PDB file of N, CA and C in Angstrom:
ATOM      1  N   MET A   1     -50.242 -29.822  43.151  1.00  0.00           N
ATOM      2  CA  MET A   1     -49.770 -30.890  43.719  1.00  0.00           C
ATOM      3  C   MET A   1     -48.254 -31.204  43.469  1.00  0.00           C
ATOM      4  N   ASP A   2     -47.787 -31.893  44.585  1.00  0.00           N
ATOM      5  CA  ASP A   2     -46.242 -32.375  44.616  1.00  0.00           C
ATOM      6  C   ASP A   2     -46.116 -33.415  43.573  1.00  0.00           C
ATOM      7  N   PHE A   3     -44.454 -33.821  43.400  1.00  0.00           N
ATOM      8  CA  PHE A   3     -44.200 -34.423  42.279  1.00  0.00           C
ATOM      9  C   PHE A   3     -44.300 -35.937  42.462  1.00  0.00           C
ATOM     10  N   GLY A   4     -44.471 -36.476  43.854  1.00  0.00           N
ATOM     11  CA  GLY A   4     -45.320 -37.621  44.293  1.00  0.00           C
ATOM     12  C   GLY A   4     -46.526 -38.003  43.912  1.00  0.00           C
ATOM     13  N   GLU A   5     -47.573 -36.810  44.124  1.00  0.00           N
ATOM     14  CA  GLU A   5     -48.841 -37.425  43.407  1.00  0.00           C
ATOM     15  C   GLU A   5     -48.824 -37.236  41.835  1.00  0.00           C
ATOM     16  N   ALA A   6     -48.035 -36.373  41.480  1.00  0.00           N
ATOM     17  CA  ALA A   6     -48.282 -36.385  39.787  1.00  0.00           C
ATOM     18  C   ALA A   6     -47.668 -37.771  39.641  1.00  0.00           C
ATOM     19  N   LEU A   7     -46.464 -38.204  39.911  1.00  0.00           N
ATOM     20  CA  LEU A   7     -46.088 -39.616  39.363  1.00  0.00           C
ATOM     21  C   LEU A   7     -46.978 -40.803  39.479  1.00  0.00           C
ATOM     22  N   LYS A   8     -47.837 -40.607  40.482  1.00  0.00           N
ATOM     23  CA  LYS A   8     -48.676 -41.612  40.795  1.00  0.00           C
ATOM     24  C   LYS A   8     -49.931 -41.191  39.421  1.00  0.00           C
ATOM     25  N   ILE A   9     -50.059 -40.241  38.900  1.00  0.00           N
ATOM     26  CA  ILE A   9     -50.893 -39.871  37.556  1.00  0.00           C
ATOM     27  C   ILE A   9     -50.200 -40.647  36.709  1.00  0.00           C
ATOM     28  N   VAL A  10     -48.814 -40.062  36.057  1.00  0.00           N
ATOM     29  CA  VAL A  10     -48.153 -41.019  35.187  1.00  0.00           C
ATOM     30  C   VAL A  10     -48.114 -42.298  34.842  1.00  0.00           C
ATOM     31  N   LYS A  11     -47.591 -42.960  36.316  1.00  0.00           N
ATOM     32  CA  LYS A  11     -47.678 -44.409  36.260  1.00  0.00           C
ATOM     33  C   LYS A  11     -49.112 -45.140  36.194  1.00  0.00           C
ATOM     34  N   GLU A  12     -50.402 -44.567  35.981  1.00  0.00           N
ATOM     35  CA  GLU A  12     -51.891 -44.568  35.569  1.00  0.00           C
ATOM     36  C   GLU A  12     -51.965 -44.513  34.138  1.00  0.00           C
ATOM     37  N   GLY A  13     -51.124 -44.114  33.575  1.00  0.00           N
ATOM     38  CA  GLY A  13     -51.019 -43.481  32.097  1.00  0.00           C
ATOM     39  C   GLY A  13     -51.748 -41.832  32.082  1.00  0.00           C
ATOM     40  N   GLY A  14     -51.859 -41.044  32.803  1.00  0.00           N
ATOM     41  CA  GLY A  14     -51.939 -39.850  32.906  1.00  0.00           C
ATOM     42  C   GLY A  14     -50.779 -38.791  32.224  1.00  0.00           C
ATOM     43  N   MET A  15     -50.746 -37.714  32.129  1.00  0.00           N
ATOM     44  CA  MET A  15     -50.183 -36.731  31.755  1.00  0.00           C
ATOM     45  C   MET A  15     -49.762 -35.471  32.595  1.00  0.00           C
ATOM     46  N   ILE A  16     -48.708 -34.927  32.900  1.00  0.00           N
ATOM     47  CA  ILE A  16     -48.746 -34.094  33.849  1.00  0.00           C
ATOM     48  C   ILE A  16     -47.814 -32.926  33.267  1.00  0.00           C
ATOM     49  N   TYR A  17     -47.834 -31.694  33.764  1.00  0.00           N
ATOM     50  CA  TYR A  17     -47.283 -30.506  33.582  1.00  0.00           C
ATOM     51  C   TYR A  17     -46.711 -29.472  34.973  1.00  0.00           C
ATOM     52  N   ARG A  18     -45.817 -28.689  34.802  1.00  0.00           N
ATOM     53  CA  ARG A  18     -45.756 -27.765  35.784  1.00  0.00           C
ATOM     54  C   ARG A  18     -46.205 -26.477  35.595  1.00  0.00           C
ATOM     55  N   THR A  19     -46.839 -25.820  36.245  1.00  0.00           N
ATOM     56  CA  THR A  19     -47.503 -24.153  35.712  1.00  0.00           C
ATOM     57  C   THR A  19     -46.043 -23.593  35.634  1.00  0.00           C
ATOM     58  N   GLY A  20     -44.830 -23.520  36.107  1.00  0.00           N
ATOM     59  CA  GLY A  20     -43.869 -22.866  36.042  1.00  0.00           C
ATOM     60  C   GLY A  20     -43.118 -22.953  35.010  1.00  0.00           C
ATOM     61  N   TRP A  21     -43.189 -24.254  34.326  1.00  0.00           N
ATOM     62  CA  TRP A  21     -42.278 -24.061  33.102  1.00  0.00           C
ATOM     63  C   TRP A  21     -42.850 -22.986  31.939  1.00  0.00           C
ATOM     64  N   ASN A  22     -41.562 -22.558  31.507  1.00  0.00           N
ATOM     65  CA  ASN A  22     -41.855 -21.356  30.581  1.00  0.00           C
ATOM     66  C   ASN A  22     -42.550 -22.008  29.123  1.00  0.00           C
ATOM     67  N   GLY A  23     -42.481 -22.996  28.576  1.00  0.00           N
ATOM     68  CA  GLY A  23     -42.900 -23.579  27.451  1.00  0.00           C
ATOM     69  C   GLY A  23     -44.735 -23.975  27.702  1.00  0.00           C
ATOM     70  N   ILE A  24     -45.427 -23.227  26.540  1.00  0.00           N
ATOM     71  CA  ILE A  24     -46.916 -23.956  27.078  1.00  0.00           C
ATOM     72  C   ILE A  24     -46.781 -25.223  26.059  1.00  0.00           C
ATOM     73  N   GLY A  25     -47.978 -25.987  26.316  1.00  0.00           N
ATOM     74  CA  GLY A  25     -48.033 -27.352  25.837  1.00  0.00           C
ATOM     75  C   GLY A  25     -47.148 -28.421  26.216  1.00  0.00           C
ATOM     76  N   LEU A  26     -46.200 -27.981  26.986  1.00  0.00           N
ATOM     77  CA  LEU A  26     -45.442 -28.806  27.538  1.00  0.00           C
ATOM     78  C   LEU A  26     -46.066 -30.189  28.334  1.00  0.00           C
ATOM     79  N   PHE A  27     -45.806 -31.329  28.160  1.00  0.00           N
ATOM     80  CA  PHE A  27     -46.337 -32.384  29.198  1.00  0.00           C
ATOM     81  C   PHE A  27     -45.542 -33.455  29.284  1.00  0.00           C
ATOM     82  N   VAL A  28     -45.502 -34.599  30.506  1.00  0.00           N
ATOM     83  CA  VAL A  28     -44.848 -35.661  30.682  1.00  0.00           C
ATOM     84  C   VAL A  28     -45.305 -36.611  30.797  1.00  0.00           C
ATOM     85  N   PHE A  29     -45.217 -37.765  30.287  1.00  0.00           N
ATOM     86  CA  PHE A  29     -46.048 -39.190  30.168  1.00  0.00           C
ATOM     87  C   PHE A  29     -44.826 -40.203  30.330  1.00  0.00           C
ATOM     88  N   ALA A  30     -45.585 -41.375  30.743  1.00  0.00           N
ATOM     89  CA  ALA A  30     -44.874 -42.517  30.770  1.00  0.00           C
ATOM     90  C   ALA A  30     -45.007 -43.428  29.641  1.00  0.00           C
ATOM     91  N   GLN A  31     -43.791 -43.802  28.965  1.00  0.00           N
ATOM     92  CA  GLN A  31     -43.662 -44.727  27.790  1.00  0.00           C
ATOM     93  C   GLN A  31     -44.186 -45.942  28.237  1.00  0.00           C
ATOM     94  N   VAL A  32     -45.455 -46.365  27.463  1.00  0.00           N
ATOM     95  CA  VAL A  32     -45.909 -47.628  27.723  1.00  0.00           C
ATOM     96  C   VAL A  32     -44.889 -48.782  27.538  1.00  0.00           C
ATOM     97  N   PRO A  33     -44.912 -49.625  28.342  1.00  0.00           N
ATOM     98  CA  PRO A  33     -43.889 -51.062  28.442  1.00  0.00           C
ATOM     99  C   PRO A  33     -44.303 -52.222  26.876  1.00  0.00           C
ATOM    100  N   ALA A  34     -43.252 -52.151  26.059  1.00  0.00           N
ATOM    101  CA  ALA A  34     -43.154 -52.669  24.930  1.00  0.00           C
ATOM    102  C   ALA A  34     -42.349 -53.284  24.575  1.00  0.00           C
ATOM    103  N   ILE A  35     -42.250 -54.776  23.901  1.00  0.00           N
ATOM    104  CA  ILE A  35     -41.285 -55.527  23.520  1.00  0.00           C
ATOM    105  C   ILE A  35     -41.674 -55.734  21.987  1.00  0.00           C
ATOM    106  N   ILE A  36     -40.812 -55.294  21.300  1.00  0.00           N
ATOM    107  CA  ILE A  36     -40.758 -55.082  19.958  1.00  0.00           C
ATOM    108  C   ILE A  36     -39.572 -56.826  19.494  1.00  0.00           C
ATOM    109  N   GLY A  37     -40.764 -57.623  18.547  1.00  0.00           N
ATOM    110  CA  GLY A  37     -40.032 -58.841  18.006  1.00  0.00           C
ATOM    111  C   GLY A  37     -38.926 -58.573  17.325  1.00  0.00           C
ATOM    112  N   ILE A  38     -37.942 -59.172  16.908  1.00  0.00           N
ATOM    113  CA  ILE A  38     -37.054 -58.884  16.096  1.00  0.00           C
ATOM    114  C   ILE A  38     -37.145 -58.573  14.630  1.00  0.00           C
ATOM    115  N   ASP A  39     -38.317 -59.146  13.754  1.00  0.00           N
ATOM    116  CA  ASP A  39     -38.572 -58.744  13.006  1.00  0.00           C
ATOM    117  C   ASP A  39     -39.221 -57.535  12.536  1.00  0.00           C
ATOM    118  N   ILE A  40     -39.145 -56.564  13.551  1.00  0.00           N
ATOM    119  CA  ILE A  40     -39.818 -55.400  13.433  1.00  0.00           C
ATOM    120  C   ILE A  40     -38.429 -54.297  13.511  1.00  0.00           C
ATOM    121  N   ILE A  41     -37.504 -55.015  14.135  1.00  0.00           N
ATOM    122  CA  ILE A  41     -36.437 -54.159  14.498  1.00  0.00           C
ATOM    123  C   ILE A  41     -35.690 -53.301  13.138  1.00  0.00           C
ATOM    124  N   PRO A  42     -35.606 -54.126  12.207  1.00  0.00           N
ATOM    125  CA  PRO A  42     -35.084 -53.556  10.996  1.00  0.00           C
ATOM    126  C   PRO A  42     -35.917 -52.540  10.241  1.00  0.00           C
ATOM    127  N   LYS A  43     -37.238 -52.369  10.522  1.00  0.00           N
ATOM    128  CA  LYS A  43     -38.251 -51.411  10.201  1.00  0.00           C
ATOM    129  C   LYS A  43     -38.498 -49.868  10.964  1.00  0.00           C
ATOM    130  N   MET A  44     -37.423 -50.406  12.403  1.00  0.00           N
ATOM    131  CA  MET A  44     -37.875 -49.004  13.150  1.00  0.00           C
ATOM    132  C   MET A  44     -36.933 -47.973  12.626  1.00  0.00           C
ATOM    133  N   GLN A  45     -37.802 -46.639  12.631  1.00  0.00           N
ATOM    134  CA  GLN A  45     -37.100 -45.787  12.120  1.00  0.00           C
ATOM    135  C   GLN A  45     -36.583 -44.907  13.635  1.00  0.00           C
ATOM    136  N   SER A  46     -36.826 -45.217  14.673  1.00  0.00           N
ATOM    137  CA  SER A  46     -36.230 -44.568  15.978  1.00  0.00           C
ATOM    138  C   SER A  46     -34.872 -45.269  16.349  1.00  0.00           C
ATOM    139  N   LEU A  47     -34.023 -45.816  15.595  1.00  0.00           N
ATOM    140  CA  LEU A  47     -32.934 -46.466  15.872  1.00  0.00           C
ATOM    141  C   LEU A  47     -31.888 -46.410  14.815  1.00  0.00           C
ATOM    142  N   PRO A  48     -31.032 -45.946  15.209  1.00  0.00           N
ATOM    143  CA  PRO A  48     -29.939 -45.708  13.932  1.00  0.00           C
ATOM    144  C   PRO A  48     -29.261 -47.317  13.882  1.00  0.00           C
ATOM    145  N   LYS A  49     -28.978 -47.356  12.462  1.00  0.00           N
ATOM    146  CA  LYS A  49     -28.835 -48.601  11.845  1.00  0.00           C
ATOM    147  C   LYS A  49     -27.644 -49.495  12.758  1.00  0.00           C
ATOM    148  N   GLN A  50     -26.589 -48.594  13.049  1.00  0.00           N
ATOM    149  CA  GLN A  50     -25.553 -49.362  14.153  1.00  0.00           C
ATOM    150  C   GLN A  50     -26.433 -50.596  15.237  1.00  0.00           C
ATOM    151  N   VAL A  51     -26.952 -49.523  15.756  1.00  0.00           N
ATOM    152  CA  VAL A  51     -28.046 -49.978  17.038  1.00  0.00           C
ATOM    153  C   VAL A  51     -28.829 -51.346  16.392  1.00  0.00           C
ATOM    154  N   LYS A  52     -29.674 -51.246  15.454  1.00  0.00           N
ATOM    155  CA  LYS A  52     -30.340 -52.276  14.809  1.00  0.00           C
ATOM    156  C   LYS A  52     -29.368 -53.363  14.539  1.00  0.00           C
ATOM    157  N   ASP A  53     -28.227 -53.197  14.099  1.00  0.00           N
ATOM    158  CA  ASP A  53     -27.269 -54.399  13.576  1.00  0.00           C
ATOM    159  C   ASP A  53     -27.006 -55.197  14.720  1.00  0.00           C
ATOM    160  N   VAL A  54     -26.445 -54.759  16.142  1.00  0.00           N
ATOM    161  CA  VAL A  54     -26.218 -55.137  17.012  1.00  0.00           C
ATOM    162  C   VAL A  54     -27.426 -56.239  17.667  1.00  0.00           C
ATOM    163  N   PHE A  55     -28.684 -55.299  17.475  1.00  0.00           N
ATOM    164  CA  PHE A  55     -29.633 -56.507  17.900  1.00  0.00           C
ATOM    165  C   PHE A  55     -29.918 -57.491  16.961  1.00  0.00           C
ATOM    166  N   ILE A  56     -30.004 -57.287  15.958  1.00  0.00           N
ATOM    167  CA  ILE A  56     -30.184 -58.419  15.028  1.00  0.00           C
ATOM    168  C   ILE A  56     -29.278 -59.380  14.918  1.00  0.00           C
ATOM    169  N   ASN A  57     -27.433 -59.000  15.436  1.00  0.00           N
ATOM    170  CA  ASN A  57     -26.445 -59.974  15.510  1.00  0.00           C
ATOM    171  C   ASN A  57     -26.672 -60.994  16.664  1.00  0.00           C
ATOM    172  N   ARG A  58     -27.076 -60.077  18.015  1.00  0.00           N
ATOM    173  CA  ARG A  58     -27.247 -60.812  19.056  1.00  0.00           C
ATOM    174  C   ARG A  58     -28.439 -61.850  18.731  1.00  0.00           C
ATOM    175  N   ALA A  59     -29.374 -61.676  18.450  1.00  0.00           N
ATOM    176  CA  ALA A  59     -30.626 -62.669  17.736  1.00  0.00           C
ATOM    177  C   ALA A  59     -29.675 -63.982  17.015  1.00  0.00           C
ATOM    178  N   GLU A  60     -29.248 -63.387  16.040  1.00  0.00           N
ATOM    179  CA  GLU A  60     -28.722 -64.754  15.124  1.00  0.00           C
ATOM    180  C   GLU A  60     -28.000 -65.594  15.967  1.00  0.00           C
ATOM    181  N   TYR A  61     -26.723 -64.686  16.619  1.00  0.00           N
ATOM    182  CA  TYR A  61     -25.489 -65.756  17.164  1.00  0.00           C
ATOM    183  C   TYR A  61     -25.952 -66.247  18.673  1.00  0.00           C
ATOM    184  N   GLY A  62     -26.855 -65.400  19.785  1.00  0.00           N
ATOM    185  CA  GLY A  62     -27.285 -65.637  20.746  1.00  0.00           C
ATOM    186  C   GLY A  62     -28.540 -66.685  21.174  1.00  0.00           C
ATOM    187  N   LYS A  63     -29.331 -66.667  20.222  1.00  0.00           N
ATOM    188  CA  LYS A  63     -30.374 -67.705  20.021  1.00  0.00           C
ATOM    189  C   LYS A  63     -31.420 -67.714  21.308  1.00  0.00           C
ATOM    190  N   PRO A  64     -31.086 -67.727  22.338  1.00  0.00           N
ATOM    191  CA  PRO A  64     -32.022 -67.619  23.460  1.00  0.00           C
ATOM    192  C   PRO A  64     -33.271 -66.601  23.227  1.00  0.00           C
ATOM    193  N   ALA A  65     -34.181 -66.999  23.704  1.00  0.00           N
ATOM    194  CA  ALA A  65     -35.167 -66.090  23.800  1.00  0.00           C
ATOM    195  C   ALA A  65     -35.158 -64.753  24.010  1.00  0.00           C
ATOM    196  N   THR A  66     -34.133 -64.608  25.044  1.00  0.00           N
ATOM    197  CA  THR A  66     -34.172 -62.891  25.319  1.00  0.00           C
ATOM    198  C   THR A  66     -33.703 -62.105  24.368  1.00  0.00           C
ATOM    199  N   PHE A  67     -33.042 -62.775  23.195  1.00  0.00           N
ATOM    200  CA  PHE A  67     -32.190 -61.916  22.226  1.00  0.00           C
ATOM    201  C   PHE A  67     -33.155 -61.795  21.214  1.00  0.00           C
ATOM    202  N   GLN A  68     -34.444 -62.042  21.428  1.00  0.00           N
ATOM    203  CA  GLN A  68     -35.123 -62.085  19.846  1.00  0.00           C
ATOM    204  C   GLN A  68     -36.409 -60.946  20.193  1.00  0.00           C
ATOM    205  N   SER A  69     -35.902 -60.121  20.920  1.00  0.00           N
ATOM    206  CA  SER A  69     -36.897 -59.008  20.960  1.00  0.00           C
ATOM    207  C   SER A  69     -36.118 -57.871  21.819  1.00  0.00           C
ATOM    208  N   ILE A  70     -36.458 -56.314  21.451  1.00  0.00           N
ATOM    209  CA  ILE A  70     -36.383 -55.491  22.652  1.00  0.00           C
ATOM    210  C   ILE A  70     -37.072 -55.045  23.422  1.00  0.00           C
ATOM    211  N   ALA A  71     -37.051 -54.760  24.704  1.00  0.00           N
ATOM    212  CA  ALA A  71     -38.146 -54.056  24.963  1.00  0.00           C
ATOM    213  C   ALA A  71     -38.004 -52.144  25.577  1.00  0.00           C
ATOM    214  N   TYR A  72     -39.129 -51.700  25.330  1.00  0.00           N
ATOM    215  CA  TYR A  72     -38.934 -50.355  26.120  1.00  0.00           C
ATOM    216  C   TYR A  72     -39.861 -50.542  27.392  1.00  0.00           C
ATOM    217  N   LYS A  73     -39.461 -49.744  28.553  1.00  0.00           N
ATOM    218  CA  LYS A  73     -39.867 -49.530  29.815  1.00  0.00           C
ATOM    219  C   LYS A  73     -38.891 -48.852  30.621  1.00  0.00           C
ATOM    220  N   ASP A  74     -39.710 -48.523  31.737  1.00  0.00           N
ATOM    221  CA  ASP A  74     -39.741 -47.316  32.707  1.00  0.00           C
ATOM    222  C   ASP A  74     -38.679 -46.185  32.199  1.00  0.00           C
ATOM    223  N   GLN A  75     -39.484 -45.335  31.404  1.00  0.00           N
ATOM    224  CA  GLN A  75     -39.055 -44.220  30.732  1.00  0.00           C
ATOM    225  C   GLN A  75     -40.091 -43.153  30.865  1.00  0.00           C
ATOM    226  N   LEU A  76     -39.703 -42.114  31.139  1.00  0.00           N
ATOM    227  CA  LEU A  76     -40.224 -40.829  30.964  1.00  0.00           C
ATOM    228  C   LEU A  76     -40.319 -39.926  29.975  1.00  0.00           C
ATOM    229  N   ALA A  77     -41.380 -39.238  29.312  1.00  0.00           N
ATOM    230  CA  ALA A  77     -40.994 -38.503  28.160  1.00  0.00           C
ATOM    231  C   ALA A  77     -41.528 -37.195  28.073  1.00  0.00           C
ATOM    232  N   LEU A  78     -41.057 -36.507  27.495  1.00  0.00           N
ATOM    233  CA  LEU A  78     -41.687 -34.747  27.555  1.00  0.00           C
ATOM    234  C   LEU A  78     -41.771 -34.912  26.435  1.00  0.00           C
ATOM    235  N   VAL A  79     -43.199 -33.792  25.846  1.00  0.00           N
ATOM    236  CA  VAL A  79     -43.769 -33.841  24.758  1.00  0.00           C
ATOM    237  C   VAL A  79     -43.665 -32.229  24.931  1.00  0.00           C
ATOM    238  N   ASP A  80     -43.166 -31.453  23.687  1.00  0.00           N
ATOM    239  CA  ASP A  80     -43.655 -30.186  23.628  1.00  0.00           C
ATOM    240  C   ASP A  80     -44.603 -29.842  22.470  1.00  0.00           C
ATOM    241  N   ALA A  81     -44.689 -28.581  22.498  1.00  0.00           N
ATOM    242  CA  ALA A  81     -45.876 -27.793  21.651  1.00  0.00           C
ATOM    243  C   ALA A  81     -45.748 -28.644  20.337  1.00  0.00           C
ATOM    244  N   PHE A  82     -44.670 -28.831  19.974  1.00  0.00           N
ATOM    245  CA  PHE A  82     -44.341 -29.038  18.359  1.00  0.00           C
ATOM    246  C   PHE A  82     -44.684 -30.853  18.455  1.00  0.00           C
ATOM    247  N   ASN A  83     -45.051 -30.920  19.201  1.00  0.00           N
ATOM    248  CA  ASN A  83     -45.323 -32.776  19.272  1.00  0.00           C
ATOM    249  C   ASN A  83     -43.871 -33.760  19.147  1.00  0.00           C
ATOM    250  N   VAL A  84     -42.772 -32.831  19.699  1.00  0.00           N
ATOM    251  CA  VAL A  84     -41.663 -33.408  19.488  1.00  0.00           C
ATOM    252  C   VAL A  84     -41.427 -34.016  20.832  1.00  0.00           C
ATOM    253  N   ILE A  85     -40.855 -35.654  20.979  1.00  0.00           N
ATOM    254  CA  ILE A  85     -40.857 -36.373  22.384  1.00  0.00           C
ATOM    255  C   ILE A  85     -39.293 -36.600  22.818  1.00  0.00           C
ATOM    256  N   THR A  86     -39.173 -36.323  23.643  1.00  0.00           N
ATOM    257  CA  THR A  86     -37.768 -36.654  24.373  1.00  0.00           C
ATOM    258  C   THR A  86     -37.294 -37.213  25.555  1.00  0.00           C
ATOM    259  N   GLY A  87     -36.747 -37.990  25.697  1.00  0.00           N
ATOM    260  CA  GLY A  87     -36.489 -38.444  27.076  1.00  0.00           C
ATOM    261  C   GLY A  87     -36.690 -37.331  28.404  1.00  0.00           C
ATOM    262  N   TRP A  88     -36.868 -38.026  29.501  1.00  0.00           N
ATOM    263  CA  TRP A  88     -37.407 -36.490  30.726  1.00  0.00           C
ATOM    264  C   TRP A  88     -36.624 -37.068  31.972  1.00  0.00           C
ATOM    265  N   SER A  89     -35.972 -36.643  32.664  1.00  0.00           N
ATOM    266  CA  SER A  89     -35.888 -36.929  33.772  1.00  0.00           C
ATOM    267  C   SER A  89     -36.071 -35.602  34.748  1.00  0.00           C
ATOM    268  N   PRO A  90     -36.510 -35.911  36.228  1.00  0.00           N
ATOM    269  CA  PRO A  90     -36.603 -34.635  36.713  1.00  0.00           C
ATOM    270  C   PRO A  90     -35.721 -34.030  37.449  1.00  0.00           C
ATOM    271  N   SER A  91     -35.333 -32.706  37.214  1.00  0.00           N
ATOM    272  CA  SER A  91     -34.605 -32.108  38.138  1.00  0.00           C
ATOM    273  C   SER A  91     -34.850 -31.887  39.492  1.00  0.00           C
ATOM    274  N   THR A  92     -34.130 -31.197  40.269  1.00  0.00           N
ATOM    275  CA  THR A  92     -34.384 -31.393  41.599  1.00  0.00           C
ATOM    276  C   THR A  92     -35.577 -30.350  41.680  1.00  0.00           C
ATOM    277  N   ALA A  93     -35.562 -29.232  41.086  1.00  0.00           N
ATOM    278  CA  ALA A  93     -36.675 -28.387  41.453  1.00  0.00           C
ATOM    279  C   ALA A  93     -37.941 -28.832  40.602  1.00  0.00           C
ATOM    280  N   ASP A  94     -37.870 -29.737  39.725  1.00  0.00           N
ATOM    281  CA  ASP A  94     -38.912 -30.331  39.238  1.00  0.00           C
ATOM    282  C   ASP A  94     -39.669 -31.361  40.245  1.00  0.00           C
ATOM    283  N   ALA A  95     -38.719 -32.053  41.155  1.00  0.00           N
ATOM    284  CA  ALA A  95     -38.884 -33.267  42.301  1.00  0.00           C
ATOM    285  C   ALA A  95     -39.524 -32.692  42.810  1.00  0.00           C
ATOM    286  N   LEU A  96     -39.308 -31.270  43.584  1.00  0.00           N
ATOM    287  CA  LEU A  96     -39.837 -30.759  45.065  1.00  0.00           C
ATOM    288  C   LEU A  96     -40.630 -29.491  44.732  1.00  0.00           C
ATOM    289  N   ALA A  97     -41.078 -29.407  43.428  1.00  0.00           N
ATOM    290  CA  ALA A  97     -42.089 -28.205  42.928  1.00  0.00           C
ATOM    291  C   ALA A  97     -43.561 -28.869  43.381  1.00  0.00           C
ATOM    292  N   THR A  98     -44.492 -27.729  43.968  1.00  0.00           N
ATOM    293  CA  THR A  98     -45.605 -28.322  44.187  1.00  0.00           C
ATOM    294  C   THR A  98     -46.650 -27.513  42.948  1.00  0.00           C
ATOM    295  N   ASP A  99     -46.285 -27.283  42.097  1.00  0.00           N
ATOM    296  CA  ASP A  99     -47.211 -26.823  41.077  1.00  0.00           C
ATOM    297  C   ASP A  99     -47.292 -27.587  39.875  1.00  0.00           C
ATOM    298  N   TRP A 100     -47.637 -28.981  39.875  1.00  0.00           N
ATOM    299  CA  TRP A 100     -47.853 -29.995  39.091  1.00  0.00           C
ATOM    300  C   TRP A 100     -49.128 -29.898  38.913  1.00  0.00           C
ATOM    301  N   LYS A 101     -49.421 -29.919  37.596  1.00  0.00           N
ATOM    302  CA  LYS A 101     -51.137 -30.414  37.255  1.00  0.00           C
ATOM    303  C   LYS A 101     -51.393 -31.392  36.489  1.00  0.00           C
ATOM    304  N   VAL A 102     -52.270 -31.890  36.273  1.00  0.00           N
ATOM    305  CA  VAL A 102     -52.879 -32.719  35.012  1.00  0.00           C
ATOM    306  C   VAL A 102     -53.241 -32.042  33.744  1.00  0.00           C
ATOM    307  N   TYR A 103     -52.435 -32.961  32.925  1.00  0.00           N
ATOM    308  CA  TYR A 103     -52.870 -32.169  31.110  1.00  0.00           C
ATOM    309  C   TYR A 103     -53.866 -32.671  30.599  1.00  0.00           C
ATOM    310  N   VAL A 104     -54.944 -32.193  30.620  1.00  0.00           N
ATOM    311  CA  VAL A 104     -55.838 -32.490  30.028  1.00  0.00           C
ATOM    312  C   VAL A 104     -56.171 -32.070  28.044  1.00  0.00           C
TER     313      VAL A 104
END
């Protein structure tokens, strides 16, 4: 299938991969949108301390409800064979490829 068809599957919660990729077990998924409350941020292992401090500082001094959380949205991620997740954007070759498959 082409990337347009594959992207529809990802938007519906599916996982995709290219048969032309060198790595075995690679797949792409869309991160589930999430709102993380300010009370959770200090416990997050995926954020550096300095980033956490900025968010906490904004919550303390900004006070509007928009500063009382952080949001994850609109991100694609690549999973490798060792379950390492990294951010991913398609290359031109990926976007034009027709060897996309559903990962099951």
